[in-house]
Amino acid sequence: MQLDAAPLASDLDTACRTWSDRVAIRTRGDSITYAQLWRRVEVLASELVRRGVGPGDRVLCSLRTNAEHIVAMHAAWHCGAIHVGVHNELTARELVELVERLEPSAVLFEPRGSDGSSGGLAAVAAVAPGMARFVHRRPAGPGEQMLAEVLAGDPAPGTAFPAVDAAADAVLFLTSGSTGRPKAVIDSLAGLRGKVAFFHEAFRPGPGDVHLLFLPICHAFGMKLATLALLSGGRLVLPERFSAPEVLELVAGEAVTVLPATPTHLSILLSHLEAGSTAPVGSLRWVPTAAAPLGGALAAQVYQRLGVEVFSVYGCSEGFLCTTTDRADVLAGSVGRRVYRGPPPTPPAGTVAVVDPQTGVAVPAGELGEITFATNGPVRYWDEPAVGGDGWYRSGDLGRLDAGGRLFVLGRRKELVNRGGLKVSPAEIESELSRHPDLRDAAVVPSADPVLGEAICACVVPAGPHCPSLNDVRAFLAPTLARHKLPDELCQLEQLPRSSIGKLDRAALAALVDGEGLPRQRLRPR
């Protein structure tokens, strides 16, 4: 796959011409060939142009991970617009806030999956009545168009699509916003293409691969993997949502070779296999994973039970990436040393560094600090100042580099537990907890303590009927962690709160810990 000077929509056009008769996307009850996919892109793009959408305009796409989302993404690029993918579980208030903030020219809307609510589009219409509105999976209301009917039509004859330069803005990625309003990161066609090509170089998927994707396409990782699958001629299988039994059945029935998943998803899938699932998984070749550290113990199970290679990705919506496919790196808990350097002009050779958070000076190998990346220009946001103009982007993540240059990610600066004045990284403890044979999941948050200020609370999900005691957990961790990093408290849960891409919701977990309903053990005396 070669990605050079043509915009991404043209890249897909080339792929669709090359593999026109092959199945590009398979969903429940529907198969779309590459030729059909490109026709739908042209149809929607021509309708967007007819409705006045052009270069630089935003197209807000509140759809699930489905074929229509992929069509909408490429249609926006085909008419020079900026694709803004959002999770279709957003409430009406959240959608209205985005519309008022981004002022999109069109919105594609699918009712929320959790309750079937369709009030979001009506709320959007009230604040932006002139905006083009397309609805999916429910009848159209006043001023709306049914997306399925549009896609079943023909392109408007004589539609003039604009010439789109590769430097044009392509996408707004909304960050998680865990500490406030989400930031809207701007990426160009060239930047997004470069990252897709970077992924391709790592594990070389081709026309013979079948990719099963349940990760949200509205997030950067899912979008890049969906785009990569199609530009390399593979078949993309899209389930409605993540369900371990359905995923395992699809792996067997579709002979899936590439299975992107977060560590949470992998843990659930392995549990189902251990519980006696008979679905064969021998077709699998690769598991791309991101969103959270994989952990050496879980990685070992993935290698052994699934018989795959792992493509581990550490990155952020701002577009900085560090990856590895090396088994030794993954088993050690490292994200490797292969760093995305961006389109020309590329940054200097020292592309990643770990620095003292206060001084910005690089710390010695093995020491904890803030992960920073060299930039080839400022990181741009939609309605906030750019950052990284001094040549470095400070990630806010904590990590260390070993003597060989391998990067280890150890949590967020803002997540540090201030235990009696000693700063402790929750991710460092979590990495060790992931090796405990009696725990299926674990996370660490601070809990209020009258003496220490903040105590270390380990929140654990047992792997079986027996939950290890606090003393058991401390004894397990003692050989690898300093005494002040050992948990002061242990809370037992049935599951940890996580986002749709498997990221731990620390705010929700901390709220649970602050409550009174969790079974817990405390270290006495201090």
Protein backbone atom coordinates (compact mmCIF):
# COMPACT_ATOMS: atom_id res chain seq x y z
CA MET A 1 0.00 0.00 0.00
CA GLN A 2 1.52 3.33 -1.05
CA LEU A 3 0.10 6.59 0.27
CA ASP A 4 1.62 9.57 -1.48
CA ALA A 5 0.01 12.80 -2.68
CA ALA A 6 -3.66 11.92 -3.17
CA PRO A 7 -6.28 12.72 -0.52
CA LEU A 8 -7.74 9.83 1.46
CA ALA A 9 -11.01 9.78 -0.49
CA SER A 10 -8.98 9.24 -3.66
CA ASP A 11 -7.02 6.50 -1.91
CA LEU A 12 -10.30 4.70 -1.25
CA ASP A 13 -11.39 5.28 -4.87
CA THR A 14 -8.20 3.56 -6.01
CA ALA A 15 -8.77 0.65 -3.61
CA CYS A 16 -12.38 0.30 -4.78
CA ARG A 17 -11.31 0.16 -8.41
CA THR A 18 -8.55 -2.34 -7.65
CA TRP A 19 -10.76 -4.77 -5.72
CA SER A 20 -14.16 -3.73 -7.12
CA ASP A 21 -15.87 -7.15 -6.95
CA ARG A 22 -14.54 -8.17 -3.57
CA VAL A 23 -16.48 -7.74 -0.33
CA ALA A 24 -15.23 -4.64 1.47
CA ILE A 25 -17.54 -4.54 4.50
CA ARG A 26 -19.70 -7.19 6.06
CA THR A 27 -22.30 -6.41 8.69
CA ARG A 28 -25.16 -8.44 10.08
CA GLY A 29 -27.25 -9.36 7.05
CA ASP A 30 -25.40 -7.19 4.55
CA SER A 31 -22.27 -7.39 2.41
CA ILE A 32 -20.91 -4.40 0.51
CA THR A 33 -18.42 -4.78 -2.30
CA TYR A 34 -15.69 -2.24 -2.90
CA ALA A 35 -17.56 -0.95 -5.97
CA GLN A 36 -20.76 -0.52 -3.96
CA LEU A 37 -18.85 1.20 -1.17
CA TRP A 38 -17.38 3.82 -3.50
CA ARG A 39 -20.77 4.42 -5.13
CA ARG A 40 -22.30 5.13 -1.71
CA VAL A 41 -19.45 7.52 -0.93
CA GLU A 42 -20.07 9.39 -4.19
CA VAL A 43 -23.83 9.48 -3.60
CA LEU A 44 -23.54 10.94 -0.12
CA ALA A 45 -20.75 13.32 -1.12
CA SER A 46 -22.82 14.67 -4.01
CA GLU A 47 -25.77 15.20 -1.65
CA LEU A 48 -23.53 17.02 0.82
CA VAL A 49 -22.29 19.26 -2.00
CA ARG A 50 -25.90 19.88 -3.07
CA ARG A 51 -26.69 20.93 0.50
CA GLY A 52 -23.86 23.44 0.44
CA VAL A 53 -21.14 21.50 2.24
CA GLY A 54 -17.67 22.37 0.99
CA PRO A 55 -13.99 22.66 1.92
CA GLY A 56 -13.38 23.38 5.59
CA ASP A 57 -16.97 22.73 6.66
CA ARG A 58 -17.57 20.30 9.50
CA VAL A 59 -19.72 17.18 9.12
CA LEU A 60 -20.79 15.80 12.50
CA CYS A 61 -21.22 12.04 12.40
CA SER A 62 -23.09 10.56 15.38
CA LEU A 63 -23.28 6.99 14.10
CA ARG A 64 -22.23 3.65 15.52
CA THR A 65 -19.31 1.65 14.19
CA ASN A 66 -21.04 0.64 10.97
CA ALA A 67 -20.69 0.86 7.19
CA GLU A 68 -22.60 4.16 7.11
CA HIS A 69 -20.03 5.77 9.39
CA ILE A 70 -17.24 4.77 7.02
CA VAL A 71 -19.20 6.08 4.04
CA ALA A 72 -19.85 9.38 5.83
CA MET A 73 -16.19 9.79 6.71
CA HIS A 74 -14.96 9.35 3.14
CA ALA A 75 -17.85 11.39 1.70
CA ALA A 76 -16.83 14.33 3.88
CA TRP A 77 -13.24 14.07 2.62
CA HIS A 78 -14.46 13.74 -0.98
CA CYS A 79 -16.12 17.15 -0.79
CA GLY A 80 -13.27 18.73 1.16
CA ALA A 81 -15.07 18.82 4.49
CA ILE A 82 -13.80 17.93 7.98
CA HIS A 83 -15.15 14.73 9.51
CA VAL A 84 -16.12 14.91 13.19
CA GLY A 85 -16.96 11.47 14.56
CA VAL A 86 -18.73 11.30 17.92
CA HIS A 87 -20.10 8.43 19.96
CA ASN A 88 -23.78 7.85 19.28
CA GLU A 89 -24.42 7.47 23.02
CA LEU A 90 -24.08 11.24 23.49
CA THR A 91 -27.09 12.87 25.11
CA ALA A 92 -29.13 15.61 23.45
CA ARG A 93 -27.44 18.23 25.63
CA GLU A 94 -23.96 16.99 24.67
CA LEU A 95 -24.84 17.02 20.95
CA VAL A 96 -26.23 20.55 21.18
CA GLU A 97 -23.07 21.75 22.92
CA LEU A 98 -20.96 20.29 20.09
CA VAL A 99 -23.15 21.83 17.39
CA GLU A 100 -22.95 25.24 19.03
CA ARG A 101 -19.21 24.91 19.43
CA LEU A 102 -18.22 23.43 16.03
CA GLU A 103 -21.02 24.89 13.86
CA PRO A 104 -21.19 21.92 11.48
CA SER A 105 -22.88 22.21 8.10
CA ALA A 106 -24.38 18.72 8.31
CA VAL A 107 -25.09 16.08 10.92
CA LEU A 108 -25.65 12.35 10.52
CA PHE A 109 -27.58 10.96 13.47
CA GLU A 110 -28.41 7.52 14.81
CA PRO A 111 -30.61 7.13 17.93
CA ARG A 112 -28.75 6.25 21.07
CA GLY A 113 -28.15 2.54 21.46
CA SER A 114 -28.89 2.35 25.17
CA ASP A 115 -32.47 3.60 25.16
CA GLY A 116 -33.43 4.22 21.53
CA SER A 117 -33.72 7.95 22.25
CA SER A 118 -34.13 10.06 19.13
CA GLY A 119 -34.52 13.44 20.81
CA GLY A 120 -30.96 14.46 20.06
CA LEU A 121 -31.63 15.45 16.46
CA ALA A 122 -34.69 17.50 17.40
CA ALA A 123 -32.62 19.34 19.98
CA VAL A 124 -29.92 19.99 17.36
CA ALA A 125 -32.52 21.25 14.86
CA ALA A 126 -33.77 23.75 17.42
CA VAL A 127 -30.37 25.48 17.62
CA ALA A 128 -29.32 24.99 13.96
CA PRO A 129 -32.52 24.77 11.88
CA GLY A 130 -30.77 25.31 8.54
CA MET A 131 -28.23 22.53 8.95
CA ALA A 132 -28.49 19.43 6.73
CA ARG A 133 -29.75 16.59 8.88
CA PHE A 134 -29.57 12.88 7.98
CA VAL A 135 -31.14 10.25 10.23
CA HIS A 136 -30.30 6.56 10.36
CA ARG A 137 -32.47 3.69 11.61
CA ARG A 138 -35.62 5.65 12.25
CA PRO A 139 -38.14 7.50 10.06
CA ALA A 140 -37.21 11.01 9.01
CA GLY A 141 -38.91 13.93 10.70
CA PRO A 142 -39.55 17.43 9.31
CA GLY A 143 -36.46 18.79 7.58
CA GLU A 144 -34.61 15.46 7.84
CA GLN A 145 -33.46 12.96 5.23
CA MET A 146 -33.25 9.22 5.78
CA LEU A 147 -29.65 8.20 5.23
CA ALA A 148 -30.63 4.81 3.79
CA GLU A 149 -32.80 6.48 1.12
CA VAL A 150 -30.00 8.88 0.18
CA LEU A 151 -27.48 6.05 -0.15
CA ALA A 152 -29.89 4.01 -2.28
CA GLY A 153 -30.12 6.81 -4.84
CA ASP A 154 -27.78 8.04 -7.55
CA PRO A 155 -25.14 10.76 -7.48
CA ALA A 156 -26.46 14.09 -8.67
CA PRO A 157 -25.40 14.40 -12.32
CA GLY A 158 -22.66 16.91 -12.97
CA THR A 159 -21.65 17.32 -9.31
CA ALA A 160 -18.42 19.31 -9.16
CA PHE A 161 -16.22 17.99 -6.39
CA PRO A 162 -13.51 20.39 -5.24
CA ALA A 163 -9.82 19.68 -5.68
CA VAL A 164 -8.60 18.77 -2.19
CA ASP A 165 -4.99 19.26 -1.20
CA ALA A 166 -3.34 16.68 1.06
CA ALA A 167 -2.51 19.47 3.52
CA ALA A 168 -6.21 20.23 4.04
CA ASP A 169 -7.77 19.55 7.41
CA ALA A 170 -9.46 16.14 7.48
CA VAL A 171 -10.71 15.38 10.96
CA LEU A 172 -11.42 16.70 14.42
CA PHE A 173 -10.66 14.14 17.12
CA LEU A 174 -12.45 14.87 20.38
CA THR A 175 -10.37 13.94 23.41
CA SER A 176 -11.97 12.09 26.31
CA GLY A 177 -12.48 15.26 28.31
CA SER A 178 -12.08 13.52 31.66
CA THR A 179 -10.90 16.75 33.28
CA GLY A 180 -13.32 19.14 31.57
CA ARG A 181 -14.50 20.07 28.07
CA PRO A 182 -13.07 17.74 25.41
CA LYS A 183 -10.40 19.27 23.20
CA ALA A 184 -10.93 19.08 19.45
CA VAL A 185 -7.63 18.05 17.86
CA ILE A 186 -7.19 18.97 14.18
CA ASP A 187 -5.44 16.56 11.84
CA SER A 188 -4.82 16.95 8.11
CA LEU A 189 -5.30 14.45 5.32
CA ALA A 190 -1.51 14.09 5.09
CA GLY A 191 -1.17 13.61 8.83
CA LEU A 192 -3.91 10.99 9.04
CA ARG A 193 -2.58 9.18 5.98
CA GLY A 194 0.90 9.14 7.46
CA LYS A 195 -0.34 7.43 10.62
CA VAL A 196 -2.31 4.86 8.61
CA ALA A 197 0.85 4.12 6.62
CA PHE A 198 2.81 3.88 9.89
CA PHE A 199 0.37 1.21 11.09
CA HIS A 200 0.66 -0.60 7.76
CA GLU A 201 4.44 -0.78 8.01
CA ALA A 202 4.15 -2.40 11.44
CA PHE A 203 2.20 -5.54 10.54
CA ARG A 204 1.61 -5.40 6.78
CA PRO A 205 -2.06 -6.37 6.37
CA GLY A 206 -3.08 -7.15 2.80
CA PRO A 207 -5.97 -8.24 0.57
CA GLY A 208 -6.07 -11.66 2.20
CA ASP A 209 -6.79 -10.29 5.68
CA VAL A 210 -10.15 -10.15 7.41
CA HIS A 211 -10.41 -7.43 10.07
CA LEU A 212 -13.05 -7.60 12.80
CA LEU A 213 -13.66 -4.14 14.25
CA PHE A 214 -15.93 -3.36 17.19
CA LEU A 215 -13.85 -0.43 18.46
CA PRO A 216 -15.48 2.99 17.90
CA ILE A 217 -14.60 4.52 14.54
CA CYS A 218 -15.14 7.93 16.14
CA HIS A 219 -11.87 7.43 18.04
CA ALA A 220 -8.48 7.75 16.39
CA PHE A 221 -7.40 4.12 16.85
CA GLY A 222 -10.59 2.66 15.38
CA MET A 223 -10.64 5.14 12.50
CA LYS A 224 -7.06 4.38 11.48
CA LEU A 225 -7.61 0.62 11.62
CA ALA A 226 -10.85 0.80 9.60
CA THR A 227 -9.13 2.96 6.98
CA LEU A 228 -6.09 0.67 6.88
CA ALA A 229 -8.25 -2.43 6.37
CA LEU A 230 -9.94 -0.94 3.31
CA LEU A 231 -6.93 0.77 1.74
CA SER A 232 -5.03 -2.54 1.91
CA GLY A 233 -7.84 -4.48 0.21
CA GLY A 234 -8.99 -6.49 3.23
CA ARG A 235 -12.49 -7.39 4.36
CA LEU A 236 -13.88 -5.41 7.28
CA VAL A 237 -16.37 -7.22 9.53
CA LEU A 238 -18.43 -4.91 11.75
CA PRO A 239 -20.53 -6.36 14.59
CA GLU A 240 -23.24 -4.18 16.12
CA ARG A 241 -21.39 -3.99 19.43
CA PHE A 242 -18.89 -5.93 21.50
CA SER A 243 -20.19 -9.29 22.69
CA ALA A 244 -17.61 -11.95 23.50
CA PRO A 245 -19.70 -14.91 22.21
CA GLU A 246 -20.57 -13.06 18.98
CA VAL A 247 -16.98 -11.94 18.43
CA LEU A 248 -15.66 -15.46 18.85
CA GLU A 249 -18.35 -16.82 16.49
CA LEU A 250 -17.43 -14.18 13.89
CA VAL A 251 -13.72 -14.98 14.23
CA ALA A 252 -14.57 -18.59 13.40
CA GLY A 253 -17.23 -17.97 10.76
CA GLU A 254 -15.43 -15.18 8.89
CA ALA A 255 -11.90 -16.62 9.31
CA VAL A 256 -10.84 -13.33 10.93
CA THR A 257 -7.09 -12.68 10.82
CA VAL A 258 -6.84 -9.23 12.49
CA LEU A 259 -8.67 -8.60 15.78
CA PRO A 260 -8.14 -5.12 17.28
CA ALA A 261 -9.03 -5.07 20.96
CA THR A 262 -8.24 -3.25 24.17
CA PRO A 263 -6.79 -5.19 27.12
CA THR A 264 -10.26 -5.23 28.70
CA HIS A 265 -11.79 -6.84 25.62
CA LEU A 266 -8.95 -9.37 25.46
CA SER A 267 -9.42 -10.31 29.09
CA ILE A 268 -13.14 -10.92 28.52
CA LEU A 269 -12.52 -12.96 25.37
CA LEU A 270 -9.95 -15.13 27.12
CA SER A 271 -12.35 -15.71 30.01
CA HIS A 272 -14.97 -16.97 27.56
CA LEU A 273 -12.45 -19.29 25.94
CA GLU A 274 -11.39 -20.60 29.34
CA ALA A 275 -15.05 -21.12 30.25
CA GLY A 276 -15.37 -23.62 27.43
CA SER A 277 -16.11 -21.71 24.23
CA THR A 278 -15.62 -24.08 21.30
CA ALA A 279 -15.24 -21.36 18.66
CA PRO A 280 -11.96 -21.95 16.78
CA VAL A 281 -9.59 -19.00 16.68
CA GLY A 282 -6.82 -20.51 14.57
CA SER A 283 -7.32 -18.04 11.71
CA LEU A 284 -6.09 -15.12 13.84
CA ARG A 285 -2.71 -13.60 12.95
CA TRP A 286 -2.61 -10.20 14.65
CA VAL A 287 -4.10 -8.41 17.65
CA PRO A 288 -3.58 -4.63 17.49
CA THR A 289 -4.15 -3.21 20.97
CA ALA A 290 -4.20 0.24 22.57
CA ALA A 291 -6.04 2.45 25.10
CA ALA A 292 -4.40 0.90 28.19
CA PRO A 293 -1.27 -1.06 29.13
CA LEU A 294 -1.57 -4.70 28.12
CA GLY A 295 0.35 -6.12 31.07
CA GLY A 296 2.84 -8.96 30.81
CA ALA A 297 0.60 -11.67 32.29
CA LEU A 298 -2.32 -10.87 29.99
CA ALA A 299 0.05 -10.59 27.01
CA ALA A 300 1.40 -14.06 27.74
CA GLN A 301 -2.15 -15.46 27.70
CA VAL A 302 -2.91 -13.69 24.41
CA TYR A 303 0.18 -15.15 22.77
CA GLN A 304 -0.45 -18.64 24.11
CA ARG A 305 -4.24 -18.98 23.78
CA LEU A 306 -4.88 -16.98 20.62
CA GLY A 307 -1.67 -17.88 18.79
CA VAL A 308 -1.21 -14.34 17.46
CA GLU A 309 1.36 -11.60 17.25
CA VAL A 310 0.58 -8.37 19.11
CA PHE A 311 0.79 -4.87 17.63
CA SER A 312 0.91 -2.67 20.74
CA VAL A 313 0.14 1.03 20.27
CA TYR A 314 0.62 3.88 22.73
CA GLY A 315 -0.67 7.21 21.50
CA CYS A 316 -3.01 10.13 21.94
CA SER A 317 -5.59 12.02 19.91
CA GLU A 318 -2.91 14.63 19.18
CA GLY A 319 -1.30 12.04 16.90
CA PHE A 320 1.89 11.02 18.70
CA LEU A 321 2.51 7.28 18.57
CA CYS A 322 4.94 4.72 19.92
CA THR A 323 4.47 1.10 18.86
CA THR A 324 6.03 -2.32 18.98
CA THR A 325 5.45 -5.76 17.55
CA ASP A 326 8.38 -7.26 19.43
CA ARG A 327 7.22 -10.05 21.74
CA ALA A 328 9.95 -9.34 24.30
CA ASP A 329 8.87 -5.68 24.49
CA VAL A 330 5.21 -6.58 24.97
CA LEU A 331 5.87 -9.23 27.62
CA ALA A 332 8.07 -6.75 29.50
CA GLY A 333 5.23 -4.21 29.52
CA SER A 334 6.96 -1.80 27.13
CA VAL A 335 5.38 0.01 24.20
CA GLY A 336 8.67 -0.22 22.34
CA ARG A 337 10.81 2.43 20.69
CA ARG A 338 9.27 2.78 17.20
CA VAL A 339 7.93 6.35 17.22
CA TYR A 340 5.84 8.03 14.53
CA ARG A 341 7.81 10.98 13.21
CA GLY A 342 5.13 12.59 11.09
CA PRO A 343 5.05 13.89 7.52
CA PRO A 344 7.95 16.01 6.25
CA PRO A 345 9.64 17.94 7.66
CA THR A 346 10.22 15.25 10.25
CA PRO A 347 11.46 15.97 13.79
CA PRO A 348 15.09 15.30 14.76
CA ALA A 349 16.31 11.86 15.77
CA GLY A 350 15.52 12.32 19.49
CA THR A 351 11.80 11.85 18.87
CA VAL A 352 10.71 10.86 22.39
CA ALA A 353 12.09 11.87 25.77
CA VAL A 354 11.16 11.47 29.43
CA VAL A 355 11.65 14.71 31.33
CA ASP A 356 11.28 16.17 34.79
CA PRO A 357 7.71 17.55 34.85
CA GLN A 358 8.82 20.78 36.57
CA THR A 359 12.05 21.61 34.72
CA GLY A 360 11.54 19.89 31.38
CA VAL A 361 15.06 18.44 31.61
CA ALA A 362 15.52 14.82 30.50
CA VAL A 363 15.82 12.37 33.40
CA PRO A 364 18.30 9.46 33.45
CA ALA A 365 17.29 6.08 32.01
CA GLY A 366 15.05 4.16 34.37
CA GLU A 367 13.71 7.22 36.19
CA LEU A 368 10.06 8.27 36.17
CA GLY A 369 9.15 11.45 34.30
CA GLU A 370 6.75 13.01 31.80
CA ILE A 371 6.69 11.56 28.28
CA THR A 372 7.34 14.19 25.61
CA PHE A 373 7.48 13.96 21.83
CA ALA A 374 9.40 16.05 19.33
CA THR A 375 7.09 17.92 16.96
CA ASN A 376 7.39 19.14 13.39
CA GLY A 377 4.99 22.00 14.11
CA PRO A 378 2.44 23.07 16.70
CA VAL A 379 -0.40 20.73 17.67
CA ARG A 380 -3.59 22.50 16.60
CA TYR A 381 -6.96 22.55 18.36
CA TRP A 382 -10.25 23.81 16.98
CA ASP A 383 -10.98 26.61 19.45
CA GLU A 384 -8.00 26.58 21.81
CA PRO A 385 -4.39 27.73 21.50
CA ALA A 386 -1.93 25.44 19.76
CA VAL A 387 0.74 23.69 21.83
CA GLY A 388 4.18 22.30 21.12
CA GLY A 389 5.49 25.40 19.38
CA ASP A 390 8.80 25.00 21.21
CA GLY A 391 9.43 21.73 19.38
CA TRP A 392 8.11 19.38 22.07
CA TYR A 393 4.65 18.09 22.95
CA ARG A 394 4.20 17.29 26.64
CA SER A 395 1.79 14.38 26.88
CA GLY A 396 0.87 14.58 30.57
CA ASP A 397 1.68 10.86 30.75
CA LEU A 398 4.26 9.43 33.11
CA GLY A 399 6.80 6.90 31.94
CA ARG A 400 10.40 5.83 31.81
CA LEU A 401 12.93 4.89 29.16
CA ASP A 402 15.19 1.94 29.84
CA ALA A 403 18.86 1.82 28.86
CA GLY A 404 17.92 0.38 25.48
CA GLY A 405 15.50 3.20 24.67
CA ARG A 406 12.30 1.21 25.27
CA LEU A 407 9.39 3.28 26.55
CA PHE A 408 7.26 2.20 29.53
CA VAL A 409 4.01 4.09 30.16
CA LEU A 410 3.09 4.46 33.84
CA GLY A 411 -0.05 6.60 34.02
CA ARG A 412 -1.03 10.26 34.06
CA ARG A 413 0.60 13.08 36.02
CA LYS A 414 -2.79 14.13 37.37
CA GLU A 415 -3.47 10.60 38.60
CA LEU A 416 -0.53 10.44 41.00
CA VAL A 417 -1.36 9.46 44.56
CA ASN A 418 0.19 11.90 47.03
CA ARG A 419 0.86 9.46 49.85
CA GLY A 420 2.30 11.45 52.72
CA GLY A 421 4.25 13.65 50.29
CA LEU A 422 5.54 10.75 48.20
CA LYS A 423 4.12 10.71 44.65
CA VAL A 424 3.08 7.23 43.52
CA SER A 425 1.95 6.24 40.00
CA PRO A 426 -1.22 4.10 40.02
CA ALA A 427 -0.24 2.54 36.67
CA GLU A 428 3.02 1.24 38.13
CA ILE A 429 1.09 -0.67 40.80
CA GLU A 430 -1.57 -1.76 38.30
CA SER A 431 1.08 -3.24 36.04
CA GLU A 432 2.22 -5.50 38.87
CA LEU A 433 -1.34 -6.31 39.98
CA SER A 434 -2.08 -7.56 36.46
CA ARG A 435 0.26 -10.49 37.16
CA HIS A 436 -1.73 -11.70 40.18
CA PRO A 437 -3.23 -15.09 39.27
CA ASP A 438 -6.36 -14.57 41.41
CA LEU A 439 -7.31 -11.19 39.90
CA ARG A 440 -9.17 -10.63 36.65
CA ASP A 441 -8.91 -6.83 36.73
CA ALA A 442 -7.41 -4.22 39.03
CA ALA A 443 -6.93 -0.47 39.31
CA VAL A 444 -5.55 1.96 41.86
CA VAL A 445 -7.06 5.26 43.01
CA PRO A 446 -6.36 7.52 46.00
CA SER A 447 -8.61 7.40 49.03
CA ALA A 448 -8.81 10.06 51.74
CA ASP A 449 -6.69 9.39 54.80
CA PRO A 450 -6.42 11.59 57.93
CA VAL A 451 -2.72 10.80 58.40
CA LEU A 452 -1.31 10.36 54.89
CA GLY A 453 -3.61 12.78 53.10
CA GLU A 454 -4.11 10.21 50.34
CA ALA A 455 -3.85 6.45 50.77
CA ILE A 456 -3.35 3.90 48.00
CA CYS A 457 -6.55 1.98 47.35
CA ALA A 458 -6.35 -1.14 45.18
CA CYS A 459 -9.71 -1.91 43.53
CA VAL A 460 -9.80 -5.52 42.40
CA VAL A 461 -12.06 -7.90 40.49
CA PRO A 462 -11.42 -11.52 41.54
CA ALA A 463 -10.78 -14.09 38.84
CA GLY A 464 -12.83 -16.66 40.74
CA PRO A 465 -14.86 -17.08 43.91
CA HIS A 466 -11.88 -16.30 46.13
CA CYS A 467 -10.68 -12.72 46.52
CA PRO A 468 -7.16 -12.33 47.89
CA SER A 469 -6.86 -10.33 51.08
CA LEU A 470 -5.07 -7.00 51.41
CA ASN A 471 -2.18 -8.75 53.14
CA ASP A 472 -2.01 -11.31 50.33
CA VAL A 473 -1.86 -8.54 47.72
CA ARG A 474 0.81 -6.63 49.63
CA ALA A 475 2.89 -9.78 49.99
CA PHE A 476 2.56 -10.45 46.25
CA LEU A 477 3.71 -6.91 45.37
CA ALA A 478 6.43 -6.57 47.99
CA PRO A 479 9.24 -8.15 45.91
CA THR A 480 8.80 -5.66 43.04
CA LEU A 481 7.47 -2.43 44.61
CA ALA A 482 8.87 -0.14 47.27
CA ARG A 483 7.07 -0.27 50.60
CA HIS A 484 5.44 3.15 50.17
CA LYS A 485 3.86 1.92 46.89
CA LEU A 486 2.04 -1.03 48.48
CA PRO A 487 -1.75 -0.63 48.82
CA ASP A 488 -3.09 0.68 52.12
CA GLU A 489 -6.63 -0.38 51.25
CA LEU A 490 -8.33 -3.01 49.10
CA CYS A 491 -11.84 -2.77 47.63
CA GLN A 492 -13.59 -5.64 45.88
CA LEU A 493 -15.83 -5.01 42.84
CA GLU A 494 -17.67 -7.14 40.30
CA GLN A 495 -16.25 -5.01 37.49
CA LEU A 496 -14.33 -1.77 37.02
CA PRO A 497 -15.99 1.18 35.28
CA ARG A 498 -14.51 1.54 31.80
CA SER A 499 -15.25 3.52 28.64
CA SER A 500 -16.36 2.04 25.32
CA ILE A 501 -12.70 1.71 24.27
CA GLY A 502 -11.68 0.02 27.51
CA LYS A 503 -10.10 2.99 29.28
CA LEU A 504 -10.53 3.03 33.02
CA ASP A 505 -12.97 5.69 34.25
CA ARG A 506 -10.93 6.79 37.26
CA ALA A 507 -13.40 9.49 38.26
CA ALA A 508 -16.23 6.96 38.45
CA LEU A 509 -14.03 4.48 40.31
CA ALA A 510 -12.91 7.14 42.80
CA ALA A 511 -16.57 8.01 43.42
CA LEU A 512 -17.30 4.36 44.17
CA VAL A 513 -14.37 4.22 46.58
CA ASP A 514 -15.60 7.38 48.31
CA GLY A 515 -18.97 5.70 48.88
CA GLU A 516 -19.81 3.17 51.55
CA GLY A 517 -21.08 0.14 49.63
CA LEU A 518 -17.87 -1.61 48.59
CA PRO A 519 -16.40 -4.52 50.57
CA ARG A 520 -13.03 -3.22 51.71
CA GLN A 521 -10.05 -3.98 53.88
CA ARG A 522 -7.80 -1.35 55.46
CA LEU A 523 -4.27 -1.62 56.71
CA ARG A 524 -4.06 -1.20 60.47
CA PRO A 525 -2.16 0.37 62.07
CA ARG A 526 -0.67 2.99 59.77
